[in-house]
Amino acid sequence: MEPVRFTTEDGVSLEGELRLPEGAPRGSAVICHAHPRHGGSKDHPILWAVRNELASRGSAVLAFNFRGTMGSAGSYAGGRAETKDVAAAIEQIRLGTEGPTIVAGWSFGANVALREALDDPRVGALALIGLPLRHDLDIPSTPSAGELGSFRRPVLLLSGGNDIYSPEEDLLAVASALTNAEVSIVAGTDHYLWRHEREAAALVGAFAERLFG
C-alpha cells in the first residue's frame, strides 16, 4: 500500500492510498467512501474488501478521502464539490495505468461517483454500493431518468437485502432507467454489509472482471 497525495482542479489536496496488483495492471479503480459527517472514510471494512478484491483481479486501486475528511484538506461541500475529488482521483490513478477505469462508491460515495461519471468519459463502469435513494441527507438528488438514460456504460447496483436507504425495488427502478445495469442483492445484511463484506466485494470483483475482459 502506497500513500499518495493529489490535487483537485480547485486546488484541494487530498490523501489516498494506492494498491497495485502483483502483475501489470489490467485496469484501474477508484474507491469513494460514505458520508464524511457520519463517520465515512476510505478505511471502512466494505471498502477495504472491495479494494483487496479489485487488486487481486489485476486492478490498480486508489482509495482516497474526500475533502475535509481526515488528512484531506478543504471542507465538506455537501456532495457538490466532491465530484471534483472523484475527477482528480480518476486522473491520478490513470497516470501510467492502461486499460479501463471502474469507479466504485458506497452510500454517499455512490451518489457522488454516479454524478461525476455522467459527464466523465474516463469512467468505464460504475459499481454503486448502497446508493442512497431513501434518506434525509442534504445531498444532491439522484439524477433523473433522462440523465441516467444517457449513461451507456456498465453499472452494478448492489445493496443488502435489508438496506432501508437503498431498497431493491428502488434499485430496480434506477436500473430500468439505465441502458446497461444489473442489480445484485446480498441477503441477510443491511446498508453496512457487516460480515458480508467479502461476499459483496466478490460481486464487485466479478463485475470488474467482465469489464477488464
C-alpha atoms as a PDB file:
ATOM      1  CA  MET A   1       0.000   0.000   0.000  1.00  0.00           C
ATOM      2  CA  GLU A   2       1.480   3.305  -1.072  1.00  0.00           C
ATOM      3  CA  PRO A   3       0.309   6.662   0.354  1.00  0.00           C
ATOM      4  CA  VAL A   4      -0.337   9.330  -2.277  1.00  0.00           C
ATOM      5  CA  ARG A   5      -1.447  12.963  -2.378  1.00  0.00           C
ATOM      6  CA  PHE A   6      -3.057  14.665  -5.333  1.00  0.00           C
ATOM      7  CA  THR A   7      -4.794  17.971  -6.004  1.00  0.00           C
ATOM      8  CA  THR A   8      -8.228  18.779  -7.390  1.00  0.00           C
ATOM      9  CA  GLU A   9      -8.902  21.337 -10.099  1.00  0.00           C
ATOM     10  CA  ASP A  10      -9.956  23.840  -7.420  1.00  0.00           C
ATOM     11  CA  GLY A  11      -6.699  23.382  -5.514  1.00  0.00           C
ATOM     12  CA  VAL A  12      -7.688  20.999  -2.698  1.00  0.00           C
ATOM     13  CA  SER A  13      -5.018  18.499  -1.600  1.00  0.00           C
ATOM     14  CA  LEU A  14      -6.415  15.019  -0.984  1.00  0.00           C
ATOM     15  CA  GLU A  15      -4.876  11.994   0.702  1.00  0.00           C
ATOM     16  CA  GLY A  16      -5.180   8.498  -0.678  1.00  0.00           C
ATOM     17  CA  GLU A  17      -3.675   5.037  -0.779  1.00  0.00           C
ATOM     18  CA  LEU A  18      -2.645   3.192  -3.906  1.00  0.00           C
ATOM     19  CA  ARG A  19      -2.748  -0.589  -4.058  1.00  0.00           C
ATOM     20  CA  LEU A  20      -1.165  -2.298  -7.048  1.00  0.00           C
ATOM     21  CA  PRO A  21      -1.762  -5.862  -8.263  1.00  0.00           C
ATOM     22  CA  GLU A  22       1.020  -8.412  -8.285  1.00  0.00           C
ATOM     23  CA  GLY A  23       1.481  -8.201 -12.053  1.00  0.00           C
ATOM     24  CA  ALA A  24       0.945  -5.482 -14.602  1.00  0.00           C
ATOM     25  CA  PRO A  25      -2.421  -3.754 -14.055  1.00  0.00           C
ATOM     26  CA  ARG A  26      -5.226  -4.754 -16.392  1.00  0.00           C
ATOM     27  CA  GLY A  27      -7.154  -1.622 -15.484  1.00  0.00           C
ATOM     28  CA  SER A  28      -7.711   0.806 -12.656  1.00  0.00           C
ATOM     29  CA  ALA A  29     -10.258   1.603  -9.981  1.00  0.00           C
ATOM     30  CA  VAL A  30     -11.220   4.497  -7.727  1.00  0.00           C
ATOM     31  CA  ILE A  31     -12.975   3.903  -4.398  1.00  0.00           C
ATOM     32  CA  CYS A  32     -15.356   6.563  -2.971  1.00  0.00           C
ATOM     33  CA  HIS A  33     -16.358   6.420   0.690  1.00  0.00           C
ATOM     34  CA  ALA A  34     -19.534   7.065   2.667  1.00  0.00           C
ATOM     35  CA  HIS A  35     -20.769  10.327   4.185  1.00  0.00           C
ATOM     36  CA  PRO A  36     -17.971  12.264   5.938  1.00  0.00           C
ATOM     37  CA  ARG A  37     -20.393  13.680   8.513  1.00  0.00           C
ATOM     38  CA  HIS A  38     -21.467  10.176   9.514  1.00  0.00           C
ATOM     39  CA  GLY A  39     -18.078   8.560  10.005  1.00  0.00           C
ATOM     40  CA  GLY A  40     -17.304   7.815   6.372  1.00  0.00           C
ATOM     41  CA  SER A  41     -13.691   7.437   5.263  1.00  0.00           C
ATOM     42  CA  LYS A  42     -11.605   5.296   2.935  1.00  0.00           C
ATOM     43  CA  ASP A  43     -10.900   2.860   5.784  1.00  0.00           C
ATOM     44  CA  HIS A  44     -14.318   1.245   6.240  1.00  0.00           C
ATOM     45  CA  PRO A  45     -14.298  -2.601   6.097  1.00  0.00           C
ATOM     46  CA  ILE A  46     -16.511  -2.849   2.993  1.00  0.00           C
ATOM     47  CA  LEU A  47     -14.163  -0.538   1.095  1.00  0.00           C
ATOM     48  CA  TRP A  48     -11.101  -2.466   2.261  1.00  0.00           C
ATOM     49  CA  ALA A  49     -12.747  -5.643   0.980  1.00  0.00           C
ATOM     50  CA  VAL A  50     -13.534  -4.073  -2.404  1.00  0.00           C
ATOM     51  CA  ARG A  51     -10.017  -2.649  -2.671  1.00  0.00           C
ATOM     52  CA  ASN A  52      -8.436  -6.042  -1.972  1.00  0.00           C
ATOM     53  CA  GLU A  53     -10.766  -7.851  -4.358  1.00  0.00           C
ATOM     54  CA  LEU A  54     -10.134  -5.488  -7.256  1.00  0.00           C
ATOM     55  CA  ALA A  55      -6.366  -5.572  -6.735  1.00  0.00           C
ATOM     56  CA  SER A  56      -6.445  -9.381  -6.660  1.00  0.00           C
ATOM     57  CA  ARG A  57      -8.117  -9.289 -10.079  1.00  0.00           C
ATOM     58  CA  GLY A  58      -5.426  -7.121 -11.624  1.00  0.00           C
ATOM     59  CA  SER A  59      -6.584  -3.583 -10.985  1.00  0.00           C
ATOM     60  CA  ALA A  60      -4.530  -0.669  -9.692  1.00  0.00           C
ATOM     61  CA  VAL A  61      -6.782   0.742  -6.957  1.00  0.00           C
ATOM     62  CA  LEU A  62      -6.883   4.220  -5.436  1.00  0.00           C
ATOM     63  CA  ALA A  63      -8.898   4.766  -2.256  1.00  0.00           C
ATOM     64  CA  PHE A  64      -8.999   8.353  -1.036  1.00  0.00           C
ATOM     65  CA  ASN A  65     -10.629  10.645   1.499  1.00  0.00           C
ATOM     66  CA  PHE A  66     -12.997  13.332   0.292  1.00  0.00           C
ATOM     67  CA  ARG A  67     -12.188  16.966   1.057  1.00  0.00           C
ATOM     68  CA  GLY A  68     -12.422  17.775   4.760  1.00  0.00           C
ATOM     69  CA  THR A  69     -12.063  14.126   5.791  1.00  0.00           C
ATOM     70  CA  MET A  70      -9.128  13.032   7.974  1.00  0.00           C
ATOM     71  CA  GLY A  71      -5.897  14.101   6.226  1.00  0.00           C
ATOM     72  CA  SER A  72      -7.532  15.633   3.162  1.00  0.00           C
ATOM     73  CA  ALA A  73      -7.585  19.425   3.031  1.00  0.00           C
ATOM     74  CA  GLY A  74     -10.613  21.592   2.336  1.00  0.00           C
ATOM     75  CA  SER A  75     -14.105  21.422   3.779  1.00  0.00           C
ATOM     76  CA  TYR A  76     -17.125  19.170   3.349  1.00  0.00           C
ATOM     77  CA  ALA A  77     -19.179  20.523   0.434  1.00  0.00           C
ATOM     78  CA  GLY A  78     -22.458  18.634   0.698  1.00  0.00           C
ATOM     79  CA  GLY A  79     -21.620  16.232  -2.125  1.00  0.00           C
ATOM     80  CA  ARG A  80     -21.383  19.028  -4.657  1.00  0.00           C
ATOM     81  CA  ALA A  81     -17.695  19.934  -4.974  1.00  0.00           C
ATOM     82  CA  GLU A  82     -16.834  16.334  -4.107  1.00  0.00           C
ATOM     83  CA  THR A  83     -17.321  15.437  -7.766  1.00  0.00           C
ATOM     84  CA  LYS A  84     -14.070  17.342  -8.330  1.00  0.00           C
ATOM     85  CA  ASP A  85     -12.415  14.977  -5.833  1.00  0.00           C
ATOM     86  CA  VAL A  86     -13.539  11.963  -7.851  1.00  0.00           C
ATOM     87  CA  ALA A  87     -12.352  13.576 -11.080  1.00  0.00           C
ATOM     88  CA  ALA A  88      -8.913  14.204  -9.560  1.00  0.00           C
ATOM     89  CA  ALA A  89      -8.710  10.640  -8.241  1.00  0.00           C
ATOM     90  CA  ILE A  90      -9.501   9.280 -11.711  1.00  0.00           C
ATOM     91  CA  GLU A  91      -6.754  11.440 -13.171  1.00  0.00           C
ATOM     92  CA  GLN A  92      -4.305  10.218 -10.531  1.00  0.00           C
ATOM     93  CA  ILE A  93      -4.977   6.502 -10.956  1.00  0.00           C
ATOM     94  CA  ARG A  94      -4.801   6.700 -14.746  1.00  0.00           C
ATOM     95  CA  LEU A  95      -1.288   8.149 -14.716  1.00  0.00           C
ATOM     96  CA  GLY A  96       0.794   5.398 -16.261  1.00  0.00           C
ATOM     97  CA  THR A  97      -2.026   2.828 -15.989  1.00  0.00           C
ATOM     98  CA  GLU A  98      -3.642   1.491 -19.139  1.00  0.00           C
ATOM     99  CA  GLY A  99      -6.991  -0.207 -19.502  1.00  0.00           C
ATOM    100  CA  PRO A 100     -10.484   0.779 -18.366  1.00  0.00           C
ATOM    101  CA  THR A 101     -11.262   2.550 -15.101  1.00  0.00           C
ATOM    102  CA  ILE A 102     -14.051   1.459 -12.784  1.00  0.00           C
ATOM    103  CA  VAL A 103     -15.343   3.827 -10.101  1.00  0.00           C
ATOM    104  CA  ALA A 104     -16.823   2.143  -7.036  1.00  0.00           C
ATOM    105  CA  GLY A 105     -18.700   4.119  -4.422  1.00  0.00           C
ATOM    106  CA  TRP A 106     -20.517   3.241  -1.239  1.00  0.00           C
ATOM    107  CA  SER A 107     -23.509   5.241   0.036  1.00  0.00           C
ATOM    108  CA  PHE A 108     -22.640   8.982  -0.210  1.00  0.00           C
ATOM    109  CA  GLY A 109     -19.689   7.932  -2.361  1.00  0.00           C
ATOM    110  CA  ALA A 110     -22.030   6.130  -4.745  1.00  0.00           C
ATOM    111  CA  ASN A 111     -24.110   9.292  -5.156  1.00  0.00           C
ATOM    112  CA  VAL A 112     -21.025  11.404  -5.904  1.00  0.00           C
ATOM    113  CA  ALA A 113     -19.484   8.771  -8.201  1.00  0.00           C
ATOM    114  CA  LEU A 114     -22.665   8.495 -10.262  1.00  0.00           C
ATOM    115  CA  ARG A 115     -22.993  12.236 -10.769  1.00  0.00           C
ATOM    116  CA  GLU A 116     -19.320  12.604 -11.779  1.00  0.00           C
ATOM    117  CA  ALA A 117     -19.499   9.654 -14.177  1.00  0.00           C
ATOM    118  CA  LEU A 118     -22.393  11.074 -16.196  1.00  0.00           C
ATOM    119  CA  ASP A 119     -20.098  13.680 -17.745  1.00  0.00           C
ATOM    120  CA  ASP A 120     -16.730  11.923 -17.406  1.00  0.00           C
ATOM    121  CA  PRO A 121     -15.808   9.728 -20.383  1.00  0.00           C
ATOM    122  CA  ARG A 122     -12.832   8.294 -18.485  1.00  0.00           C
ATOM    123  CA  VAL A 123     -15.200   6.193 -16.356  1.00  0.00           C
ATOM    124  CA  GLY A 124     -15.508   2.781 -17.974  1.00  0.00           C
ATOM    125  CA  ALA A 125     -18.012   1.389 -15.477  1.00  0.00           C
ATOM    126  CA  LEU A 126     -19.647   2.103 -12.122  1.00  0.00           C
ATOM    127  CA  ALA A 127     -20.108  -0.131  -9.079  1.00  0.00           C
ATOM    128  CA  LEU A 128     -22.611   1.609  -6.788  1.00  0.00           C
ATOM    129  CA  ILE A 129     -22.981   0.039  -3.349  1.00  0.00           C
ATOM    130  CA  GLY A 130     -25.886   1.153  -1.173  1.00  0.00           C
ATOM    131  CA  LEU A 131     -26.779   4.071  -3.472  1.00  0.00           C
ATOM    132  CA  PRO A 132     -28.862   6.263  -1.118  1.00  0.00           C
ATOM    133  CA  LEU A 133     -32.341   6.553  -2.606  1.00  0.00           C
ATOM    134  CA  ARG A 134     -34.399   6.947   0.588  1.00  0.00           C
ATOM    135  CA  HIS A 135     -32.736   9.293   3.070  1.00  0.00           C
ATOM    136  CA  ASP A 136     -32.904  12.670   4.813  1.00  0.00           C
ATOM    137  CA  LEU A 137     -29.377  13.730   3.936  1.00  0.00           C
ATOM    138  CA  ASP A 138     -28.704  17.152   2.449  1.00  0.00           C
ATOM    139  CA  ILE A 139     -27.005  15.853  -0.683  1.00  0.00           C
ATOM    140  CA  PRO A 140     -27.792  16.274  -4.384  1.00  0.00           C
ATOM    141  CA  SER A 141     -30.622  14.077  -5.609  1.00  0.00           C
ATOM    142  CA  THR A 142     -30.129  11.043  -7.787  1.00  0.00           C
ATOM    143  CA  PRO A 143     -30.007  12.080 -11.460  1.00  0.00           C
ATOM    144  CA  SER A 144     -33.287  11.987 -13.345  1.00  0.00           C
ATOM    145  CA  ALA A 145     -34.363   9.068 -15.524  1.00  0.00           C
ATOM    146  CA  GLY A 146     -33.486  11.117 -18.591  1.00  0.00           C
ATOM    147  CA  GLU A 147     -29.989  11.814 -17.308  1.00  0.00           C
ATOM    148  CA  LEU A 148     -29.481   8.182 -16.336  1.00  0.00           C
ATOM    149  CA  GLY A 149     -30.617   7.032 -19.762  1.00  0.00           C
ATOM    150  CA  SER A 150     -27.755   8.892 -21.402  1.00  0.00           C
ATOM    151  CA  PHE A 151     -25.188   6.804 -19.487  1.00  0.00           C
ATOM    152  CA  ARG A 152     -24.493   3.707 -21.590  1.00  0.00           C
ATOM    153  CA  ARG A 153     -21.545   2.181 -19.771  1.00  0.00           C
ATOM    154  CA  PRO A 154     -21.953  -0.818 -17.398  1.00  0.00           C
ATOM    155  CA  VAL A 155     -23.373  -0.171 -13.928  1.00  0.00           C
ATOM    156  CA  LEU A 156     -23.608  -2.530 -10.952  1.00  0.00           C
ATOM    157  CA  LEU A 157     -26.222  -1.576  -8.338  1.00  0.00           C
ATOM    158  CA  LEU A 158     -25.579  -3.533  -5.141  1.00  0.00           C
ATOM    159  CA  SER A 159     -27.153  -3.388  -1.705  1.00  0.00           C
ATOM    160  CA  GLY A 160     -28.002  -5.501   1.298  1.00  0.00           C
ATOM    161  CA  GLY A 161     -31.364  -7.215   1.386  1.00  0.00           C
ATOM    162  CA  ASN A 162     -32.341  -5.172   4.471  1.00  0.00           C
ATOM    163  CA  ASP A 163     -30.943  -1.835   3.275  1.00  0.00           C
ATOM    164  CA  ILE A 164     -33.571   0.770   4.146  1.00  0.00           C
ATOM    165  CA  TYR A 165     -31.680   3.512   2.265  1.00  0.00           C
ATOM    166  CA  SER A 166     -31.181   1.531  -0.919  1.00  0.00           C
ATOM    167  CA  PRO A 167     -34.047  -0.978  -1.167  1.00  0.00           C
ATOM    168  CA  GLU A 168     -34.205  -3.447  -4.005  1.00  0.00           C
ATOM    169  CA  GLU A 169     -37.373  -2.042  -5.558  1.00  0.00           C
ATOM    170  CA  ASP A 170     -35.794   1.410  -5.810  1.00  0.00           C
ATOM    171  CA  LEU A 171     -32.608  -0.007  -7.294  1.00  0.00           C
ATOM    172  CA  LEU A 172     -34.642  -1.841  -9.919  1.00  0.00           C
ATOM    173  CA  ALA A 173     -36.294   1.447 -10.871  1.00  0.00           C
ATOM    174  CA  VAL A 174     -32.890   3.092 -11.284  1.00  0.00           C
ATOM    175  CA  ALA A 175     -31.660   0.099 -13.284  1.00  0.00           C
ATOM    176  CA  SER A 176     -34.649   0.375 -15.627  1.00  0.00           C
ATOM    177  CA  ALA A 177     -33.672   3.980 -16.404  1.00  0.00           C
ATOM    178  CA  LEU A 178     -30.098   2.973 -17.257  1.00  0.00           C
ATOM    179  CA  THR A 179     -29.220   1.210 -20.505  1.00  0.00           C
ATOM    180  CA  ASN A 180     -26.649  -1.267 -19.171  1.00  0.00           C
ATOM    181  CA  ALA A 181     -27.278  -2.012 -15.499  1.00  0.00           C
ATOM    182  CA  GLU A 182     -27.513  -5.024 -13.221  1.00  0.00           C
ATOM    183  CA  VAL A 183     -28.788  -5.327  -9.659  1.00  0.00           C
ATOM    184  CA  SER A 184     -27.206  -7.575  -7.025  1.00  0.00           C
ATOM    185  CA  ILE A 185     -28.700  -8.042  -3.555  1.00  0.00           C
ATOM    186  CA  VAL A 186     -26.725  -9.514  -0.644  1.00  0.00           C
ATOM    187  CA  ALA A 187     -29.184 -11.342   1.585  1.00  0.00           C
ATOM    188  CA  GLY A 188     -29.065 -11.204   5.366  1.00  0.00           C
ATOM    189  CA  THR A 189     -27.446  -7.802   5.790  1.00  0.00           C
ATOM    190  CA  ASP A 190     -28.197  -4.092   5.580  1.00  0.00           C
ATOM    191  CA  HIS A 191     -26.665  -0.832   4.360  1.00  0.00           C
ATOM    192  CA  TYR A 192     -23.371  -1.537   6.142  1.00  0.00           C
ATOM    193  CA  LEU A 193     -22.949  -5.096   4.822  1.00  0.00           C
ATOM    194  CA  TRP A 194     -21.477  -6.226   8.143  1.00  0.00           C
ATOM    195  CA  ARG A 195     -19.978  -9.720   7.965  1.00  0.00           C
ATOM    196  CA  HIS A 196     -20.858  -9.852   4.275  1.00  0.00           C
ATOM    197  CA  GLU A 197     -18.053  -7.592   3.079  1.00  0.00           C
ATOM    198  CA  ARG A 198     -16.214 -10.318   1.183  1.00  0.00           C
ATOM    199  CA  GLU A 199     -19.395 -11.548  -0.460  1.00  0.00           C
ATOM    200  CA  ALA A 200     -20.250  -8.034  -1.637  1.00  0.00           C
ATOM    201  CA  ALA A 201     -16.676  -7.408  -2.756  1.00  0.00           C
ATOM    202  CA  ALA A 202     -16.692 -10.632  -4.777  1.00  0.00           C
ATOM    203  CA  LEU A 203     -19.740  -9.379  -6.687  1.00  0.00           C
ATOM    204  CA  VAL A 204     -17.906  -6.133  -7.464  1.00  0.00           C
ATOM    205  CA  GLY A 205     -14.847  -8.134  -8.480  1.00  0.00           C
ATOM    206  CA  ALA A 206     -16.810 -10.339 -10.863  1.00  0.00           C
ATOM    207  CA  PHE A 207     -18.389  -7.235 -12.392  1.00  0.00           C
ATOM    208  CA  ALA A 208     -14.939  -5.677 -12.892  1.00  0.00           C
ATOM    209  CA  GLU A 209     -13.639  -8.908 -14.373  1.00  0.00           C
ATOM    210  CA  ARG A 210     -16.184  -8.632 -17.164  1.00  0.00           C
ATOM    211  CA  LEU A 211     -15.091  -5.046 -17.793  1.00  0.00           C
ATOM    212  CA  PHE A 212     -11.400  -5.899 -17.861  1.00  0.00           C
ATOM    213  CA  GLY A 213     -12.086  -8.808 -20.202  1.00  0.00           C
END
